[in-house]
N, C-alpha and C. Protein backbone atom coordinates (compact mmCIF):
# COMPACT_ATOMS: atom_id res chain seq x y z
N UNK A 1 103.72 99.46 109.53
CA UNK A 1 104.06 100.81 109.08
C UNK A 1 103.34 101.07 107.76
N UNK A 2 102.66 102.22 107.69
CA UNK A 2 101.95 102.60 106.48
C UNK A 2 102.92 103.29 105.54
N UNK A 3 103.07 102.76 104.35
CA UNK A 3 103.94 103.40 103.38
C UNK A 3 103.52 103.05 101.98
N UNK A 4 103.98 103.90 101.06
CA UNK A 4 103.74 103.71 99.63
C UNK A 4 105.08 103.58 98.93
N UNK A 5 105.18 102.64 98.02
CA UNK A 5 106.41 102.44 97.27
C UNK A 5 106.11 102.58 95.79
N UNK A 6 106.83 103.49 95.16
CA UNK A 6 106.62 103.75 93.74
C UNK A 6 107.66 103.02 92.90
N UNK A 7 107.29 102.76 91.66
CA UNK A 7 108.24 102.22 90.69
C UNK A 7 107.87 102.75 89.31
N UNK A 8 108.80 102.66 88.40
CA UNK A 8 108.60 103.18 87.06
C UNK A 8 109.28 104.52 86.91
N UNK A 9 108.90 105.27 85.93
CA UNK A 9 109.55 106.54 85.66
C UNK A 9 110.80 106.34 84.82
N UNK A 10 111.49 107.43 84.56
CA UNK A 10 112.71 107.36 83.76
C UNK A 10 112.75 108.44 82.71
N UNK A 11 113.57 108.21 81.71
CA UNK A 11 113.77 109.16 80.62
C UNK A 11 113.12 108.62 79.35
N UNK A 12 112.37 109.47 78.68
CA UNK A 12 111.70 109.05 77.46
C UNK A 12 111.65 110.23 76.50
N UNK A 13 111.63 109.95 75.22
CA UNK A 13 111.49 111.01 74.22
C UNK A 13 110.04 111.45 74.12
N UNK A 14 109.86 112.68 73.68
CA UNK A 14 108.51 113.19 73.46
C UNK A 14 107.74 112.25 72.52
N UNK A 15 106.50 112.00 72.87
CA UNK A 15 105.68 111.08 72.12
C UNK A 15 105.69 109.66 72.65
N UNK A 16 106.61 109.40 73.57
CA UNK A 16 106.74 108.07 74.13
C UNK A 16 105.79 107.82 75.28
N UNK A 17 105.98 106.65 75.90
CA UNK A 17 105.10 106.21 76.98
C UNK A 17 105.92 105.73 78.17
N UNK A 18 105.31 105.86 79.33
CA UNK A 18 105.88 105.33 80.57
C UNK A 18 104.75 104.85 81.45
N UNK A 19 105.09 103.93 82.35
CA UNK A 19 104.10 103.41 83.30
C UNK A 19 104.65 103.54 84.70
N UNK A 20 103.87 104.17 85.56
CA UNK A 20 104.22 104.29 86.97
C UNK A 20 103.33 103.35 87.78
N UNK A 21 103.91 102.80 88.83
CA UNK A 21 103.15 101.93 89.71
C UNK A 21 103.36 102.37 91.16
N UNK A 22 102.35 102.12 91.96
CA UNK A 22 102.45 102.45 93.39
C UNK A 22 101.84 101.29 94.17
N UNK A 23 102.52 100.88 95.21
CA UNK A 23 102.04 99.79 96.05
C UNK A 23 101.99 100.26 97.49
N UNK A 24 100.85 100.04 98.13
CA UNK A 24 100.70 100.40 99.53
C UNK A 24 101.03 99.19 100.40
N UNK A 25 101.59 99.46 101.55
CA UNK A 25 101.91 98.37 102.47
C UNK A 25 100.63 97.67 102.91
N UNK A 26 100.77 96.41 103.28
CA UNK A 26 99.60 95.61 103.65
C UNK A 26 98.89 96.19 104.87
N UNK A 27 99.62 96.93 105.68
CA UNK A 27 99.02 97.51 106.88
C UNK A 27 98.17 98.74 106.56
N UNK A 28 98.27 99.22 105.33
CA UNK A 28 97.52 100.41 104.92
C UNK A 28 96.16 99.96 104.41
N UNK A 29 95.24 99.83 105.31
CA UNK A 29 93.92 99.33 104.96
C UNK A 29 92.91 100.47 104.80
N UNK A 30 91.77 100.17 104.29
CA UNK A 30 90.64 101.10 104.13
C UNK A 30 91.02 102.33 103.30
N UNK A 31 91.87 102.13 102.30
CA UNK A 31 92.18 103.23 101.39
C UNK A 31 90.93 103.61 100.62
N UNK A 32 90.65 104.90 100.56
CA UNK A 32 89.48 105.38 99.82
C UNK A 32 89.87 106.08 98.53
N UNK A 33 90.91 106.89 98.59
CA UNK A 33 91.36 107.64 97.42
C UNK A 33 92.84 107.37 97.17
N UNK A 34 93.19 107.29 95.91
CA UNK A 34 94.60 107.08 95.55
C UNK A 34 94.85 107.75 94.22
N UNK A 35 96.11 108.01 93.93
CA UNK A 35 96.40 108.65 92.66
C UNK A 35 97.80 109.20 92.61
N UNK A 36 97.95 110.28 91.80
CA UNK A 36 99.27 110.84 91.51
C UNK A 36 99.23 112.36 91.46
N UNK A 37 100.29 112.95 91.98
CA UNK A 37 100.61 114.35 91.80
C UNK A 37 101.97 114.41 91.12
N UNK A 38 102.29 115.57 90.59
CA UNK A 38 103.64 115.78 90.07
C UNK A 38 104.11 117.18 90.43
N UNK A 39 105.43 117.28 90.51
CA UNK A 39 106.05 118.57 90.81
C UNK A 39 107.13 118.83 89.78
N UNK A 40 106.90 119.84 88.97
CA UNK A 40 107.87 120.24 87.96
C UNK A 40 108.85 121.22 88.59
N UNK A 41 110.05 121.36 88.02
CA UNK A 41 111.06 122.26 88.59
C UNK A 41 110.52 123.67 88.79
N UNK A 42 110.67 124.18 90.00
CA UNK A 42 110.25 125.55 90.29
C UNK A 42 108.76 125.74 90.46
N UNK A 43 108.00 124.65 90.48
CA UNK A 43 106.54 124.75 90.58
C UNK A 43 106.03 123.98 91.78
N UNK A 44 104.78 124.21 92.12
CA UNK A 44 104.17 123.49 93.23
C UNK A 44 103.76 122.10 92.77
N UNK A 45 103.42 121.29 93.74
CA UNK A 45 102.97 119.94 93.44
C UNK A 45 101.51 120.00 92.97
N UNK A 46 101.25 119.49 91.78
CA UNK A 46 99.94 119.57 91.17
C UNK A 46 99.30 118.19 91.00
N UNK A 47 97.99 118.17 91.10
CA UNK A 47 97.23 116.95 90.90
C UNK A 47 97.34 116.49 89.45
N UNK A 48 97.48 115.17 89.27
CA UNK A 48 97.55 114.60 87.92
C UNK A 48 96.34 113.70 87.66
N UNK A 49 96.14 112.73 88.53
CA UNK A 49 95.04 111.77 88.34
C UNK A 49 94.70 111.13 89.67
N UNK A 50 93.44 110.80 89.84
CA UNK A 50 93.00 110.15 91.06
C UNK A 50 91.90 109.14 90.79
N UNK A 51 91.81 108.15 91.65
CA UNK A 51 90.78 107.12 91.53
C UNK A 51 90.32 106.75 92.93
N UNK A 52 89.01 106.54 93.07
CA UNK A 52 88.48 106.12 94.36
C UNK A 52 88.35 104.60 94.39
N UNK A 53 88.13 104.08 95.59
CA UNK A 53 87.95 102.64 95.72
C UNK A 53 86.75 102.16 94.90
N UNK A 54 85.79 103.05 94.75
CA UNK A 54 84.62 102.70 93.97
C UNK A 54 84.81 102.84 92.47
N UNK A 55 85.97 103.36 92.05
CA UNK A 55 86.26 103.42 90.62
C UNK A 55 86.02 104.77 89.97
N UNK A 56 85.68 105.79 90.76
CA UNK A 56 85.53 107.12 90.17
C UNK A 56 86.90 107.70 89.86
N UNK A 57 87.03 108.28 88.68
CA UNK A 57 88.34 108.74 88.19
C UNK A 57 88.28 110.21 87.83
N UNK A 58 89.36 110.91 88.15
CA UNK A 58 89.53 112.31 87.75
C UNK A 58 90.92 112.51 87.19
N UNK A 59 91.01 113.37 86.21
CA UNK A 59 92.29 113.73 85.61
C UNK A 59 92.44 115.24 85.57
N UNK A 60 93.68 115.69 85.64
CA UNK A 60 93.97 117.07 85.34
C UNK A 60 93.69 117.29 83.86
N UNK A 61 93.26 118.50 83.52
CA UNK A 61 92.92 118.77 82.11
C UNK A 61 94.11 118.52 81.20
N UNK A 62 95.29 118.80 81.68
CA UNK A 62 96.48 118.71 80.82
C UNK A 62 96.84 117.28 80.44
N UNK A 63 96.28 116.29 81.14
CA UNK A 63 96.65 114.90 80.84
C UNK A 63 95.48 114.08 80.31
N UNK A 64 94.31 114.67 80.26
CA UNK A 64 93.14 113.93 79.78
C UNK A 64 93.38 113.42 78.36
N UNK A 65 93.03 112.17 78.14
CA UNK A 65 93.20 111.56 76.83
C UNK A 65 94.59 110.98 76.60
N UNK A 66 95.52 111.28 77.51
CA UNK A 66 96.89 110.76 77.36
C UNK A 66 97.29 109.83 78.50
N UNK A 67 96.77 110.10 79.69
CA UNK A 67 97.12 109.30 80.86
C UNK A 67 95.91 108.46 81.26
N UNK A 68 96.20 107.27 81.79
CA UNK A 68 95.14 106.40 82.29
C UNK A 68 95.54 105.86 83.65
N UNK A 69 94.66 106.05 84.62
CA UNK A 69 94.91 105.52 85.95
C UNK A 69 94.06 104.28 86.15
N UNK A 70 94.63 103.31 86.85
CA UNK A 70 93.90 102.09 87.16
C UNK A 70 94.33 101.61 88.54
N UNK A 71 93.50 100.78 89.15
CA UNK A 71 93.80 100.30 90.50
C UNK A 71 93.38 98.86 90.67
N UNK A 72 94.09 98.18 91.52
CA UNK A 72 93.73 96.82 91.94
C UNK A 72 93.54 96.88 93.45
N UNK A 73 92.31 97.03 93.87
CA UNK A 73 92.03 97.22 95.29
C UNK A 73 92.47 96.01 96.13
N UNK A 74 92.34 94.84 95.57
CA UNK A 74 92.70 93.64 96.31
C UNK A 74 94.19 93.60 96.62
N UNK A 75 94.99 94.15 95.72
CA UNK A 75 96.44 94.15 95.90
C UNK A 75 96.96 95.46 96.47
N UNK A 76 96.08 96.43 96.66
CA UNK A 76 96.52 97.75 97.16
C UNK A 76 97.56 98.38 96.25
N UNK A 77 97.33 98.27 94.95
CA UNK A 77 98.24 98.86 93.98
C UNK A 77 97.46 99.69 92.98
N UNK A 78 98.13 100.67 92.40
CA UNK A 78 97.53 101.45 91.33
C UNK A 78 98.62 101.88 90.37
N UNK A 79 98.21 102.15 89.14
CA UNK A 79 99.15 102.44 88.06
C UNK A 79 98.73 103.69 87.31
N UNK A 80 99.71 104.32 86.70
CA UNK A 80 99.46 105.46 85.82
C UNK A 80 100.15 105.17 84.50
N UNK A 81 99.38 104.90 83.48
CA UNK A 81 99.91 104.70 82.14
C UNK A 81 99.94 106.05 81.45
N UNK A 82 101.12 106.48 81.05
CA UNK A 82 101.29 107.79 80.45
C UNK A 82 101.71 107.62 78.99
N UNK A 83 100.96 108.21 78.09
CA UNK A 83 101.24 108.11 76.66
C UNK A 83 101.31 109.50 76.06
N UNK A 84 101.84 109.55 74.85
CA UNK A 84 101.97 110.83 74.13
C UNK A 84 102.62 111.88 75.03
N UNK A 85 103.68 111.49 75.68
CA UNK A 85 104.32 112.38 76.64
C UNK A 85 104.94 113.59 75.94
N UNK A 86 104.89 114.71 76.63
CA UNK A 86 105.46 115.97 76.15
C UNK A 86 106.44 116.48 77.21
N UNK A 87 107.37 117.35 76.82
CA UNK A 87 108.35 117.85 77.79
C UNK A 87 107.71 118.46 79.04
N UNK A 88 106.53 119.04 78.89
CA UNK A 88 105.85 119.65 80.03
C UNK A 88 105.41 118.62 81.07
N UNK A 89 105.45 117.35 80.74
CA UNK A 89 105.12 116.30 81.70
C UNK A 89 106.30 115.97 82.61
N UNK A 90 107.44 116.57 82.34
CA UNK A 90 108.62 116.32 83.16
C UNK A 90 108.41 116.77 84.59
N UNK A 91 108.86 115.94 85.52
CA UNK A 91 108.75 116.30 86.92
C UNK A 91 108.91 115.08 87.80
N UNK A 92 108.79 115.31 89.09
CA UNK A 92 108.79 114.21 90.05
C UNK A 92 107.34 113.84 90.33
N UNK A 93 107.03 112.59 90.11
CA UNK A 93 105.67 112.10 90.29
C UNK A 93 105.56 111.40 91.65
N UNK A 94 104.56 111.81 92.42
CA UNK A 94 104.33 111.27 93.75
C UNK A 94 102.99 110.55 93.77
N UNK A 95 102.97 109.32 94.19
CA UNK A 95 101.68 108.69 94.41
C UNK A 95 101.18 109.04 95.81
N UNK A 96 99.89 108.98 95.99
CA UNK A 96 99.29 109.28 97.28
C UNK A 96 98.13 108.34 97.53
N UNK A 97 97.76 108.26 98.79
CA UNK A 97 96.57 107.52 99.17
C UNK A 97 96.07 108.07 100.50
N UNK A 98 94.78 107.97 100.71
CA UNK A 98 94.23 108.39 101.99
C UNK A 98 93.03 107.56 102.39
N UNK A 99 92.78 107.57 103.66
CA UNK A 99 91.57 106.96 104.21
C UNK A 99 90.53 108.06 104.37
N UNK A 100 89.28 107.73 104.48
CA UNK A 100 88.26 108.75 104.67
C UNK A 100 88.58 109.67 105.84
N UNK A 101 88.59 110.97 105.57
CA UNK A 101 88.84 111.96 106.61
C UNK A 101 90.28 112.09 107.06
N UNK A 102 91.19 111.44 106.40
CA UNK A 102 92.59 111.48 106.79
C UNK A 102 93.44 112.18 105.74
N UNK A 103 94.60 112.63 106.15
CA UNK A 103 95.53 113.29 105.23
C UNK A 103 96.16 112.27 104.29
N UNK A 104 96.68 112.80 103.20
CA UNK A 104 97.37 111.94 102.24
C UNK A 104 98.64 111.34 102.83
N UNK A 105 98.89 110.10 102.45
CA UNK A 105 100.19 109.47 102.63
C UNK A 105 100.86 109.51 101.27
N UNK A 106 102.15 109.83 101.24
CA UNK A 106 102.85 110.04 99.98
C UNK A 106 103.92 108.99 99.72
N UNK A 107 104.10 108.69 98.44
CA UNK A 107 105.24 107.88 98.04
C UNK A 107 106.50 108.72 98.02
N UNK A 108 107.61 108.05 97.71
CA UNK A 108 108.92 108.73 97.77
C UNK A 108 109.18 109.60 96.56
N UNK A 109 108.38 109.45 95.53
CA UNK A 109 108.57 110.23 94.31
C UNK A 109 109.46 109.51 93.32
N UNK A 110 109.13 109.67 92.05
CA UNK A 110 109.93 109.08 90.98
C UNK A 110 110.05 110.10 89.85
N UNK A 111 111.23 110.20 89.31
CA UNK A 111 111.51 111.21 88.29
C UNK A 111 111.03 110.74 86.91
N UNK A 112 110.33 111.61 86.23
CA UNK A 112 109.95 111.41 84.83
C UNK A 112 110.54 112.57 84.03
N UNK A 113 111.33 112.23 83.04
CA UNK A 113 111.94 113.25 82.19
C UNK A 113 111.57 112.97 80.75
N UNK A 114 110.98 113.95 80.09
CA UNK A 114 110.59 113.82 78.69
C UNK A 114 111.45 114.78 77.88
N UNK A 115 112.23 114.22 76.99
CA UNK A 115 113.12 115.04 76.18
C UNK A 115 112.44 115.40 74.87
N UNK A 116 112.76 116.58 74.37
CA UNK A 116 112.14 117.05 73.12
C UNK A 116 112.93 116.59 71.91
């Protein structure tokens, strides 16, 4: 069964840091793209950061310089280190992964709350 399992998240004060992790099941092979989206209350799910198997990285403008995505292809895991958090970063964070030409597979989501 192909699935993604997230960990991390929680409540943090503004200016603090959190680390999110995502692990793909061993059966989920040939992953090409992986990363994170987030959904804030009352808003659509927006792209946050992505990384390809080859190491190409993209960030949303709002998180550049504060968030860092990394991946361990051998372990089928990837992480999002979030620093200098602001209340606007609050939301449910979903990890995703896809194979070439295939739709995203999504994690279950993890809540991140940044208090002012």
